[in-house]
Amino acid sequence: YNLMNAENLGIVFGPTLMQPPEQNALTTLNDMRQ
């Protein structure tokens, strides 16, 4: 119904629930997969 599996929810909530302490855009981009 909502088209949201665990992987899609990980993409949505990953950067929201965990953020790098240095707030560096490059670090954030490199860590998105993890």
All heavy atoms as atom14 arrays in JSON, in Angstrom:
{
  "sequence": "YNLMNAENLGIVFGPTLMQPPEQNALTTLNDMRQ",
  "atom14_mask": [
    [1, 1, 1, 1, 1, 1, 1, 1, 1, 1, 1, 1, 0, 0],
    [1, 1, 1, 1, 1, 1, 1, 1, 0, 0, 0, 0, 0, 0],
    [1, 1, 1, 1, 1, 1, 1, 1, 0, 0, 0, 0, 0, 0],
    [1, 1, 1, 1, 1, 1, 1, 1, 0, 0, 0, 0, 0, 0],
    [1, 1, 1, 1, 1, 1, 1, 1, 0, 0, 0, 0, 0, 0],
    [1, 1, 1, 1, 1, 0, 0, 0, 0, 0, 0, 0, 0, 0],
    [1, 1, 1, 1, 1, 1, 1, 1, 1, 0, 0, 0, 0, 0],
    [1, 1, 1, 1, 1, 1, 1, 1, 0, 0, 0, 0, 0, 0],
    [1, 1, 1, 1, 1, 1, 1, 1, 0, 0, 0, 0, 0, 0],
    [1, 1, 1, 1, 0, 0, 0, 0, 0, 0, 0, 0, 0, 0],
    [1, 1, 1, 1, 1, 1, 1, 1, 0, 0, 0, 0, 0, 0],
    [1, 1, 1, 1, 1, 1, 1, 0, 0, 0, 0, 0, 0, 0],
    [1, 1, 1, 1, 1, 1, 1, 1, 1, 1, 1, 0, 0, 0],
    [1, 1, 1, 1, 0, 0, 0, 0, 0, 0, 0, 0, 0, 0],
    [1, 1, 1, 1, 1, 1, 1, 0, 0, 0, 0, 0, 0, 0],
    [1, 1, 1, 1, 1, 1, 1, 0, 0, 0, 0, 0, 0, 0],
    [1, 1, 1, 1, 1, 1, 1, 1, 0, 0, 0, 0, 0, 0],
    [1, 1, 1, 1, 1, 1, 1, 1, 0, 0, 0, 0, 0, 0],
    [1, 1, 1, 1, 1, 1, 1, 1, 1, 0, 0, 0, 0, 0],
    [1, 1, 1, 1, 1, 1, 1, 0, 0, 0, 0, 0, 0, 0],
    [1, 1, 1, 1, 1, 1, 1, 0, 0, 0, 0, 0, 0, 0],
    [1, 1, 1, 1, 1, 1, 1, 1, 1, 0, 0, 0, 0, 0],
    [1, 1, 1, 1, 1, 1, 1, 1, 1, 0, 0, 0, 0, 0],
    [1, 1, 1, 1, 1, 1, 1, 1, 0, 0, 0, 0, 0, 0],
    [1, 1, 1, 1, 1, 0, 0, 0, 0, 0, 0, 0, 0, 0],
    [1, 1, 1, 1, 1, 1, 1, 1, 0, 0, 0, 0, 0, 0],
    [1, 1, 1, 1, 1, 1, 1, 0, 0, 0, 0, 0, 0, 0],
    [1, 1, 1, 1, 1, 1, 1, 0, 0, 0, 0, 0, 0, 0],
    [1, 1, 1, 1, 1, 1, 1, 1, 0, 0, 0, 0, 0, 0],
    [1, 1, 1, 1, 1, 1, 1, 1, 0, 0, 0, 0, 0, 0],
    [1, 1, 1, 1, 1, 1, 1, 1, 0, 0, 0, 0, 0, 0],
    [1, 1, 1, 1, 1, 1, 1, 1, 0, 0, 0, 0, 0, 0],
    [1, 1, 1, 1, 1, 1, 1, 1, 1, 1, 1, 0, 0, 0],
    [1, 1, 1, 1, 1, 1, 1, 1, 1, 0, 0, 0, 0, 0]
  ],
  "atom14_positions": [
    [[0.82, -1.21, 0.0], [0.0, 0.0, 0.0], [0.86, 1.26, 0.0], [0.56, 2.23, -0.7], [-0.93, 0.03, 1.22], [-1.86, -1.14, 1.32], [-1.61, -2.17, 2.23], [-2.98, -1.23, 0.5], [-2.46, -3.26, 2.32], [-3.83, -2.33, 0.58], [-3.57, -3.33, 1.5], [-4.41, -4.41, 1.58], [0.0, 0.0, 0.0], [0.0, 0.0, 0.0]],
    [[1.93, 1.26, 0.8], [2.72, 2.49, 0.94], [4.04, 2.47, 0.16], [4.76, 3.47, 0.14], [3.01, 2.77, 2.41], [3.68, 1.59, 3.12], [4.52, 0.89, 2.55], [3.32, 1.36, 4.38], [0.0, 0.0, 0.0], [0.0, 0.0, 0.0], [0.0, 0.0, 0.0], [0.0, 0.0, 0.0], [0.0, 0.0, 0.0], [0.0, 0.0, 0.0]],
    [[4.39, 1.32, -0.45], [5.61, 1.17, -1.27], [6.88, 1.43, -0.47], [7.91, 1.8, -1.03], [5.56, 2.11, -2.48], [4.33, 2.0, -3.39], [4.41, 2.98, -4.53], [4.17, 0.57, -3.9], [0.0, 0.0, 0.0], [0.0, 0.0, 0.0], [0.0, 0.0, 0.0], [0.0, 0.0, 0.0], [0.0, 0.0, 0.0], [0.0, 0.0, 0.0]],
    [[6.82, 1.24, 0.84], [7.98, 1.51, 1.69], [8.48, 0.21, 2.31], [7.89, -0.33, 3.24], [7.63, 2.51, 2.8], [7.23, 3.89, 2.28], [8.51, 4.67, 1.26], [9.72, 5.05, 2.51], [0.0, 0.0, 0.0], [0.0, 0.0, 0.0], [0.0, 0.0, 0.0], [0.0, 0.0, 0.0], [0.0, 0.0, 0.0], [0.0, 0.0, 0.0]],
    [[9.59, -0.32, 1.75], [10.24, -1.47, 2.36], [11.38, -0.98, 3.25], [11.61, 0.23, 3.38], [10.75, -2.45, 1.29], [11.68, -1.78, 0.3], [12.32, -0.78, 0.61], [11.78, -2.34, -0.88], [0.0, 0.0, 0.0], [0.0, 0.0, 0.0], [0.0, 0.0, 0.0], [0.0, 0.0, 0.0], [0.0, 0.0, 0.0], [0.0, 0.0, 0.0]],
    [[12.09, -1.9, 3.88], [13.15, -1.51, 4.82], [14.25, -0.7, 4.14], [14.78, 0.24, 4.73], [13.73, -2.76, 5.49], [0.0, 0.0, 0.0], [0.0, 0.0, 0.0], [0.0, 0.0, 0.0], [0.0, 0.0, 0.0], [0.0, 0.0, 0.0], [0.0, 0.0, 0.0], [0.0, 0.0, 0.0], [0.0, 0.0, 0.0], [0.0, 0.0, 0.0]],
    [[14.57, -1.05, 2.9], [15.63, -0.32, 2.2], [15.21, 1.11, 1.92], [15.99, 2.05, 2.12], [15.99, -1.04, 0.9], [17.13, -0.37, 0.15], [17.56, -1.13, -1.09], [16.89, -2.14, -1.42], [18.56, -0.73, -1.72], [0.0, 0.0, 0.0], [0.0, 0.0, 0.0], [0.0, 0.0, 0.0], [0.0, 0.0, 0.0], [0.0, 0.0, 0.0]],
    [[13.98, 1.3, 1.44], [13.5, 2.65, 1.16], [13.43, 3.5, 2.42], [13.77, 4.69, 2.42], [12.13, 2.6, 0.49], [12.18, 2.04, -0.91], [13.24, 2.06, -1.55], [11.07, 1.53, -1.4], [0.0, 0.0, 0.0], [0.0, 0.0, 0.0], [0.0, 0.0, 0.0], [0.0, 0.0, 0.0], [0.0, 0.0, 0.0], [0.0, 0.0, 0.0]],
    [[12.98, 2.89, 3.52], [12.92, 3.61, 4.79], [14.32, 3.96, 5.29], [14.52, 5.0, 5.92], [12.18, 2.78, 5.83], [10.67, 2.63, 5.6], [10.08, 1.59, 6.54], [9.96, 3.98, 5.8], [0.0, 0.0, 0.0], [0.0, 0.0, 0.0], [0.0, 0.0, 0.0], [0.0, 0.0, 0.0], [0.0, 0.0, 0.0], [0.0, 0.0, 0.0]],
    [[15.29, 3.07, 5.0], [16.67, 3.37, 5.37], [17.2, 4.59, 4.63], [17.92, 5.41, 5.21], [0.0, 0.0, 0.0], [0.0, 0.0, 0.0], [0.0, 0.0, 0.0], [0.0, 0.0, 0.0], [0.0, 0.0, 0.0], [0.0, 0.0, 0.0], [0.0, 0.0, 0.0], [0.0, 0.0, 0.0], [0.0, 0.0, 0.0], [0.0, 0.0, 0.0]],
    [[16.82, 4.72, 3.36], [17.24, 5.88, 2.57], [16.64, 7.16, 3.15], [17.3, 8.2, 3.24], [16.81, 5.71, 1.1], [17.57, 4.54, 0.46], [17.04, 6.99, 0.31], [17.08, 4.16, -0.93], [0.0, 0.0, 0.0], [0.0, 0.0, 0.0], [0.0, 0.0, 0.0], [0.0, 0.0, 0.0], [0.0, 0.0, 0.0], [0.0, 0.0, 0.0]],
    [[15.36, 7.08, 3.58], [14.66, 8.25, 4.1], [15.16, 8.65, 5.48], [15.41, 9.84, 5.76], [13.14, 7.99, 4.15], [12.42, 9.13, 4.85], [12.59, 7.79, 2.74], [0.0, 0.0, 0.0], [0.0, 0.0, 0.0], [0.0, 0.0, 0.0], [0.0, 0.0, 0.0], [0.0, 0.0, 0.0], [0.0, 0.0, 0.0], [0.0, 0.0, 0.0]],
    [[15.32, 7.67, 6.37], [15.61, 7.98, 7.77], [17.09, 7.88, 8.14], [17.47, 8.32, 9.23], [14.8, 7.05, 8.69], [13.37, 7.46, 8.82], [12.4, 6.89, 8.0], [12.98, 8.41, 9.74], [11.06, 7.26, 8.11], [11.66, 8.8, 9.85], [10.69, 8.22, 9.04], [0.0, 0.0, 0.0], [0.0, 0.0, 0.0], [0.0, 0.0, 0.0]],
    [[17.92, 7.32, 7.27], [19.34, 7.22, 7.59], [19.98, 8.55, 7.94], [20.52, 8.74, 9.04], [0.0, 0.0, 0.0], [0.0, 0.0, 0.0], [0.0, 0.0, 0.0], [0.0, 0.0, 0.0], [0.0, 0.0, 0.0], [0.0, 0.0, 0.0], [0.0, 0.0, 0.0], [0.0, 0.0, 0.0], [0.0, 0.0, 0.0], [0.0, 0.0, 0.0]],
    [[19.91, 9.56, 7.03], [20.54, 10.85, 7.33], [19.83, 11.6, 8.45], [20.41, 12.54, 9.01], [20.4, 11.61, 5.99], [20.15, 10.55, 4.96], [19.38, 9.48, 5.67], [0.0, 0.0, 0.0], [0.0, 0.0, 0.0], [0.0, 0.0, 0.0], [0.0, 0.0, 0.0], [0.0, 0.0, 0.0], [0.0, 0.0, 0.0], [0.0, 0.0, 0.0]],
    [[18.59, 11.23, 8.78], [17.85, 11.91, 9.85], [18.25, 11.39, 11.22], [18.4, 12.17, 12.16], [16.32, 11.71, 9.65], [15.94, 12.23, 8.38], [15.54, 12.4, 10.74], [0.0, 0.0, 0.0], [0.0, 0.0, 0.0], [0.0, 0.0, 0.0], [0.0, 0.0, 0.0], [0.0, 0.0, 0.0], [0.0, 0.0, 0.0], [0.0, 0.0, 0.0]],
    [[18.42, 10.09, 11.34], [18.71, 9.48, 12.63], [20.19, 9.5, 12.99], [20.55, 9.4, 14.16], [18.21, 8.03, 12.66], [16.69, 7.85, 12.55], [16.33, 6.38, 12.41], [15.99, 8.47, 13.76], [0.0, 0.0, 0.0], [0.0, 0.0, 0.0], [0.0, 0.0, 0.0], [0.0, 0.0, 0.0], [0.0, 0.0, 0.0], [0.0, 0.0, 0.0]],
    [[21.06, 9.61, 12.0], [22.5, 9.64, 12.26], [23.19, 10.65, 11.37], [22.99, 10.66, 10.14], [23.11, 8.25, 12.12], [22.8, 7.53, 10.83], [23.32, 5.79, 10.83], [25.04, 5.88, 11.25], [0.0, 0.0, 0.0], [0.0, 0.0, 0.0], [0.0, 0.0, 0.0], [0.0, 0.0, 0.0], [0.0, 0.0, 0.0], [0.0, 0.0, 0.0]],
    [[23.97, 11.53, 11.98], [24.67, 12.59, 11.27], [26.11, 12.64, 11.72], [26.39, 12.47, 12.91], [24.0, 13.95, 11.55], [22.52, 14.01, 11.21], [21.85, 15.22, 11.8], [22.49, 16.24, 12.04], [20.56, 15.11, 12.06], [0.0, 0.0, 0.0], [0.0, 0.0, 0.0], [0.0, 0.0, 0.0], [0.0, 0.0, 0.0], [0.0, 0.0, 0.0]],
    [[27.06, 12.87, 10.79], [28.47, 12.93, 11.18], [28.74, 14.13, 12.08], [28.16, 15.2, 11.89], [29.2, 13.06, 9.84], [28.19, 13.63, 8.9], [26.87, 13.1, 9.35], [0.0, 0.0, 0.0], [0.0, 0.0, 0.0], [0.0, 0.0, 0.0], [0.0, 0.0, 0.0], [0.0, 0.0, 0.0], [0.0, 0.0, 0.0], [0.0, 0.0, 0.0]],
    [[29.59, 13.99, 13.08], [29.84, 15.09, 14.02], [30.45, 16.32, 13.38], [30.23, 17.44, 13.84], [30.79, 14.46, 15.05], [31.37, 13.26, 14.38], [30.33, 12.78, 13.43], [0.0, 0.0, 0.0], [0.0, 0.0, 0.0], [0.0, 0.0, 0.0], [0.0, 0.0, 0.0], [0.0, 0.0, 0.0], [0.0, 0.0, 0.0], [0.0, 0.0, 0.0]],
    [[31.23, 16.13, 12.28], [31.89, 17.29, 11.68], [31.0, 18.04, 10.69], [31.37, 19.08, 10.18], [33.18, 16.85, 10.97], [32.96, 15.88, 9.81], [32.93, 14.44, 10.27], [32.83, 14.2, 11.48], [33.01, 13.54, 9.39], [0.0, 0.0, 0.0], [0.0, 0.0, 0.0], [0.0, 0.0, 0.0], [0.0, 0.0, 0.0], [0.0, 0.0, 0.0]],
    [[29.81, 17.5, 10.39], [28.86, 18.17, 9.48], [29.52, 18.56, 8.16], [29.34, 19.67, 7.65], [28.27, 19.41, 10.16], [27.46, 19.12, 11.41], [26.23, 18.27, 11.12], [25.52, 18.53, 10.17], [26.01, 17.27, 11.93], [0.0, 0.0, 0.0], [0.0, 0.0, 0.0], [0.0, 0.0, 0.0], [0.0, 0.0, 0.0], [0.0, 0.0, 0.0]],
    [[30.29, 17.64, 7.61], [30.96, 17.87, 6.34], [30.14, 17.25, 5.22], [29.76, 16.08, 5.29], [32.37, 17.26, 6.39], [33.15, 17.49, 5.12], [32.92, 16.82, 4.12], [34.08, 18.43, 5.17], [0.0, 0.0, 0.0], [0.0, 0.0, 0.0], [0.0, 0.0, 0.0], [0.0, 0.0, 0.0], [0.0, 0.0, 0.0], [0.0, 0.0, 0.0]],
    [[29.86, 18.03, 4.17], [29.0, 17.56, 3.09], [29.6, 16.34, 2.39], [28.88, 15.41, 2.0], [28.77, 18.69, 2.08], [0.0, 0.0, 0.0], [0.0, 0.0, 0.0], [0.0, 0.0, 0.0], [0.0, 0.0, 0.0], [0.0, 0.0, 0.0], [0.0, 0.0, 0.0], [0.0, 0.0, 0.0], [0.0, 0.0, 0.0], [0.0, 0.0, 0.0]],
    [[30.91, 16.34, 2.21], [31.58, 15.23, 1.54], [31.48, 13.95, 2.38], [31.21, 12.86, 1.85], [33.04, 15.58, 1.26], [33.86, 14.52, 0.5], [33.23, 14.25, -0.87], [35.31, 14.97, 0.35], [0.0, 0.0, 0.0], [0.0, 0.0, 0.0], [0.0, 0.0, 0.0], [0.0, 0.0, 0.0], [0.0, 0.0, 0.0], [0.0, 0.0, 0.0]],
    [[31.67, 14.1, 3.69], [31.55, 12.94, 4.59], [30.15, 12.37, 4.55], [29.95, 11.16, 4.49], [31.92, 13.35, 6.03], [33.26, 13.85, 6.05], [31.81, 12.15, 6.97], [0.0, 0.0, 0.0], [0.0, 0.0, 0.0], [0.0, 0.0, 0.0], [0.0, 0.0, 0.0], [0.0, 0.0, 0.0], [0.0, 0.0, 0.0], [0.0, 0.0, 0.0]],
    [[29.16, 13.27, 4.6], [27.77, 12.84, 4.57], [27.46, 12.08, 3.28], [26.8, 11.04, 3.29], [26.83, 14.05, 4.68], [27.12, 14.76, 5.9], [25.37, 13.62, 4.69], [0.0, 0.0, 0.0], [0.0, 0.0, 0.0], [0.0, 0.0, 0.0], [0.0, 0.0, 0.0], [0.0, 0.0, 0.0], [0.0, 0.0, 0.0], [0.0, 0.0, 0.0]],
    [[27.96, 12.59, 2.16], [27.74, 11.94, 0.88], [28.39, 10.57, 0.82], [27.79, 9.6, 0.35], [28.29, 12.84, -0.25], [28.05, 12.36, -1.69], [26.56, 12.31, -1.98], [28.76, 13.28, -2.68], [0.0, 0.0, 0.0], [0.0, 0.0, 0.0], [0.0, 0.0, 0.0], [0.0, 0.0, 0.0], [0.0, 0.0, 0.0], [0.0, 0.0, 0.0]],
    [[29.61, 10.47, 1.34], [30.32, 9.19, 1.32], [29.69, 8.15, 2.24], [29.81, 6.95, 1.98], [31.78, 9.41, 1.73], [32.58, 10.18, 0.69], [32.23, 10.18, -0.49], [33.63, 10.83, 1.12], [0.0, 0.0, 0.0], [0.0, 0.0, 0.0], [0.0, 0.0, 0.0], [0.0, 0.0, 0.0], [0.0, 0.0, 0.0], [0.0, 0.0, 0.0]],
    [[29.03, 8.62, 3.31], [28.47, 7.71, 4.3], [27.01, 7.36, 4.06], [26.42, 6.6, 4.85], [28.6, 8.32, 5.71], [30.05, 8.41, 6.18], [30.92, 7.79, 5.52], [30.3, 9.08, 7.19], [0.0, 0.0, 0.0], [0.0, 0.0, 0.0], [0.0, 0.0, 0.0], [0.0, 0.0, 0.0], [0.0, 0.0, 0.0], [0.0, 0.0, 0.0]],
    [[26.4, 7.9, 3.01], [24.97, 7.69, 2.8], [24.61, 6.22, 2.67], [23.58, 5.77, 3.18], [24.5, 8.47, 1.56], [24.37, 9.96, 1.77], [23.71, 10.82, 0.33], [22.07, 10.13, 0.24], [0.0, 0.0, 0.0], [0.0, 0.0, 0.0], [0.0, 0.0, 0.0], [0.0, 0.0, 0.0], [0.0, 0.0, 0.0], [0.0, 0.0, 0.0]],
    [[25.45, 5.46, 1.99], [25.17, 4.03, 1.81], [25.16, 3.31, 3.15], [24.3, 2.46, 3.42], [26.2, 3.4, 0.87], [25.95, 1.92, 0.6], [26.95, 1.37, -0.41], [26.73, -0.06, -0.63], [27.22, -1.02, 0.15], [27.96, -0.69, 1.21], [26.97, -2.29, -0.11], [0.0, 0.0, 0.0], [0.0, 0.0, 0.0], [0.0, 0.0, 0.0]],
    [[26.15, 3.64, 4.01], [26.22, 2.99, 5.33], [25.07, 3.44, 6.24], [24.53, 2.65, 7.01], [27.56, 3.3, 5.99], [28.74, 2.53, 5.43], [29.2, 3.04, 4.07], [29.17, 4.25, 3.83], [29.62, 2.14, 3.19], [0.0, 0.0, 0.0], [0.0, 0.0, 0.0], [0.0, 0.0, 0.0], [0.0, 0.0, 0.0], [0.0, 0.0, 0.0]]
  ]
}
